[in-house]
Structures are given as structure tokens and as C-alpha cells.
Amino acid sequence: MIPNTIERAILINAPRERVWSVLSEPAFLGRWFGNGEPVKIDLRPGGLLVFDHGIHGVIPARIQTVEPPRALSWRWSQGAAGEEPDDTNATLVEFTLTEDASTGGTRLTLVESGFAHLGLPTDAAIDRHRANSLNWPGKLDQLRADCEQSTA
């Protein structure tokens, strides 16, 4: 069976508006998720988001949801570098930001779903899920560091 979903939640010691900026602005997004260079982003539903992942190539994504400072989502291809996302090759990445009353910070929840419907052979879909599962913690740690460093 192909696992379909990855879910991670982190607590960030920064206000939700700050986390939204680091999550969605080109320079920040490129730093915590790309190769360090600003990403290209048309921040609206249907807009194009382009990540340069260095050795992994350029990865386009389509923005699905933009609800500042609460939610952002995109679909990105799990196929070859440069491949436009569609219903047969993409997963949905959703970020939800909620205020954490106990700390005054922000709880960020990430859900990436759709691995079971990629149209890949079972072993390839399982490998993709495993690779993304292993990569998200480091990406989220970098996002948290960027948020907290700028508010210190």
C-alpha cells in the first residue's frame, strides 16, 4: 500500500504575520525551501511558483490557496524536474498557521497529500513519499530559524 499523506506540525516563536512572510515572500521562500535564491512566485490561486532546487533542478508549482496569514497551498510535480503539475503527477502541499495562545507564537501545520494517486509504479510512489518525509523536517527547521532569527 502506498502511504498517501505526510503531516508535520511545529511551534514557531514568532507572530503569525512574520511566519506568513517567511512562508510566502520570494527571498525567504527561496532561502528555506530552495537553493538560497529568491523564488519566482505569483501569489494568487492559479499563480506559478518556481523553485530552483540546485541538483534536483527547477520545480514548478501551482498555487491553490492564499489566505494571509492563515493558509497557503500549492501543487507540485513529483515527476521530472521542470514538469508542470497536473492531476496525475502532483501532490498538494498545505500550510496552516494558527496562533498558539500558550506561547504567543505560531503553530505551523504542513500536510502533503496525494502520493497514492501519482500514477507512478508502487515502489516509485513509496520512494517519493519516503524522500519527502525525510526532507520536510530540515526544511521546516530552516523556516522556523528564519522566522525566529528575524524577530529576535
Protein backbone atom coordinates (compact mmCIF):
# COMPACT_ATOMS: atom_id res chain seq x y z
CA MET A 1 0.00 0.00 0.00
CA ILE A 2 1.22 3.47 -0.89
CA PRO A 3 1.18 5.95 2.02
CA ASN A 4 -0.78 8.97 0.88
CA THR A 5 -0.03 11.75 3.38
CA ILE A 6 2.80 13.42 5.27
CA GLU A 7 1.87 15.60 8.23
CA ARG A 8 4.18 17.69 10.39
CA ALA A 9 3.49 20.40 12.96
CA ILE A 10 5.98 22.79 14.53
CA LEU A 11 5.77 25.62 17.01
CA ILE A 12 7.50 28.83 15.97
CA ASN A 13 8.40 31.58 18.40
CA ALA A 14 7.17 34.38 16.14
CA PRO A 15 3.83 36.05 15.36
CA ARG A 16 1.67 34.58 12.62
CA GLU A 17 2.24 37.58 10.31
CA ARG A 18 6.01 37.04 10.48
CA VAL A 19 5.64 33.33 9.74
CA TRP A 20 3.39 34.18 6.78
CA SER A 21 6.10 36.47 5.38
CA VAL A 22 8.80 33.80 5.64
CA LEU A 23 6.42 31.23 4.17
CA SER A 24 5.33 33.30 1.18
CA GLU A 25 7.83 36.05 0.24
CA PRO A 26 10.25 35.20 -2.62
CA ALA A 27 13.55 35.83 -0.81
CA PHE A 28 12.56 33.94 2.34
CA LEU A 29 10.88 31.07 0.47
CA GLY A 30 13.95 30.62 -1.70
CA ARG A 31 16.17 30.52 1.35
CA TRP A 32 14.31 27.94 3.44
CA PHE A 33 12.95 25.82 0.59
CA GLY A 34 15.06 26.46 -2.48
CA ASN A 35 18.75 26.90 -3.23
CA GLY A 36 19.02 30.25 -1.46
CA GLU A 37 17.99 32.44 -4.38
CA PRO A 38 14.57 34.15 -4.36
CA VAL A 39 11.84 32.04 -5.91
CA LYS A 40 9.56 33.23 -8.67
CA ILE A 41 6.04 33.45 -7.29
CA ASP A 42 2.70 34.81 -8.49
CA LEU A 43 0.98 34.70 -5.08
CA ARG A 44 -2.62 34.04 -6.09
CA PRO A 45 -4.71 30.93 -6.71
CA GLY A 46 -3.60 29.55 -10.08
CA GLY A 47 -0.34 31.51 -9.94
CA LEU A 48 3.00 29.92 -10.75
CA LEU A 49 5.65 29.24 -8.11
CA VAL A 50 9.09 28.15 -9.34
CA PHE A 51 11.72 26.64 -7.03
CA ASP A 52 15.34 26.13 -8.02
CA HIS A 53 16.47 23.04 -6.13
CA GLY A 54 20.03 23.04 -7.44
CA ILE A 55 20.97 19.44 -8.26
CA HIS A 56 17.27 18.47 -8.31
CA GLY A 57 16.52 21.07 -10.98
CA VAL A 58 13.79 23.65 -11.37
CA ILE A 59 10.44 22.59 -9.95
CA PRO A 60 7.27 24.44 -10.89
CA ALA A 61 4.21 24.51 -8.63
CA ARG A 62 0.71 25.94 -8.95
CA ILE A 63 -0.66 27.98 -6.07
CA GLN A 64 -4.01 26.62 -4.84
CA THR A 65 -4.86 28.64 -1.72
CA VAL A 66 -3.73 32.06 -0.49
CA GLU A 67 -5.36 33.21 2.76
CA PRO A 68 -2.92 35.53 4.58
CA PRO A 69 -1.86 35.00 7.31
CA ARG A 70 -3.67 31.68 7.76
CA ALA A 71 -3.21 29.27 4.85
CA LEU A 72 -1.08 28.67 1.77
CA SER A 73 -1.10 25.67 -0.52
CA TRP A 74 0.42 24.58 -3.80
CA ARG A 75 0.52 21.56 -6.11
CA TRP A 76 3.93 20.49 -7.28
CA SER A 77 5.05 17.82 -9.66
CA GLN A 78 6.64 14.66 -8.32
CA GLY A 79 7.87 13.80 -11.81
CA ALA A 80 10.85 15.07 -13.75
CA ALA A 81 12.35 18.48 -12.99
CA GLY A 82 10.57 21.22 -14.90
CA GLU A 83 7.39 19.19 -15.33
CA GLU A 84 4.20 21.21 -14.80
CA PRO A 85 1.99 19.81 -12.05
CA ASP A 86 -1.28 18.14 -13.06
CA ASP A 87 -3.79 15.68 -11.61
CA THR A 88 -1.60 12.66 -12.37
CA ASN A 89 1.86 13.78 -11.23
CA ALA A 90 1.45 16.22 -8.34
CA THR A 91 1.00 16.28 -4.60
CA LEU A 92 -0.77 19.01 -2.66
CA VAL A 93 1.29 20.87 -0.04
CA GLU A 94 -0.81 22.73 2.53
CA PHE A 95 0.43 25.05 5.27
CA THR A 96 -1.91 26.20 8.03
CA LEU A 97 -0.88 28.84 10.57
CA THR A 98 -2.65 29.21 13.91
CA GLU A 99 -1.85 31.39 16.89
CA ASP A 100 -0.59 29.45 19.90
CA ALA A 101 -2.17 31.13 22.92
CA SER A 102 0.09 29.38 25.43
CA THR A 103 3.32 30.74 23.90
CA GLY A 104 2.26 33.74 21.85
CA GLY A 105 3.90 32.05 18.87
CA THR A 106 2.55 30.28 15.81
CA ARG A 107 1.74 26.65 15.19
CA LEU A 108 2.51 25.71 11.59
CA THR A 109 0.93 22.51 10.26
CA LEU A 110 2.15 21.03 6.99
CA VAL A 111 0.20 18.37 5.13
CA GLU A 112 1.44 16.94 1.83
CA SER A 113 -1.04 14.55 0.22
CA GLY A 114 -1.69 12.67 -2.99
CA PHE A 115 1.17 10.16 -3.16
CA ALA A 116 -1.23 7.23 -3.72
CA HIS A 117 -2.65 8.93 -6.82
CA LEU A 118 0.54 9.91 -8.62
CA GLY A 119 0.28 7.37 -11.41
CA LEU A 120 3.74 6.06 -10.54
CA PRO A 121 4.66 2.41 -10.01
CA THR A 122 4.08 1.45 -6.37
CA ASP A 123 7.79 1.32 -5.47
CA ALA A 124 8.42 4.74 -7.04
CA ALA A 125 5.48 6.34 -5.20
CA ILE A 126 6.63 4.81 -1.90
CA ASP A 127 10.17 6.10 -2.53
CA ARG A 128 8.83 9.60 -3.28
CA HIS A 129 6.78 9.60 -0.06
CA ARG A 130 9.82 8.40 1.92
CA ALA A 131 12.13 11.04 0.40
CA ASN A 132 9.68 13.88 1.03
CA SER A 133 9.04 12.61 4.58
CA LEU A 134 12.77 12.73 5.29
CA ASN A 135 13.25 16.19 3.72
CA TRP A 136 10.41 18.13 5.36
CA PRO A 137 11.87 18.23 8.92
CA GLY A 138 15.02 20.02 7.74
CA LYS A 139 13.03 22.45 5.60
CA LEU A 140 10.70 23.25 8.48
CA ASP A 141 13.64 23.70 10.86
CA GLN A 142 15.11 26.25 8.44
CA LEU A 143 11.77 28.03 8.11
CA ARG A 144 11.50 28.21 11.92
CA ALA A 145 15.07 29.53 12.22
CA ASP A 146 14.37 32.24 9.62
CA CYS A 147 11.19 33.28 11.45
CA GLU A 148 12.77 33.38 14.88
CA GLN A 149 16.07 34.99 13.83
CA SER A 150 14.32 37.98 12.31
CA THR A 151 12.17 38.61 15.37
CA ALA A 152 14.96 38.32 17.95
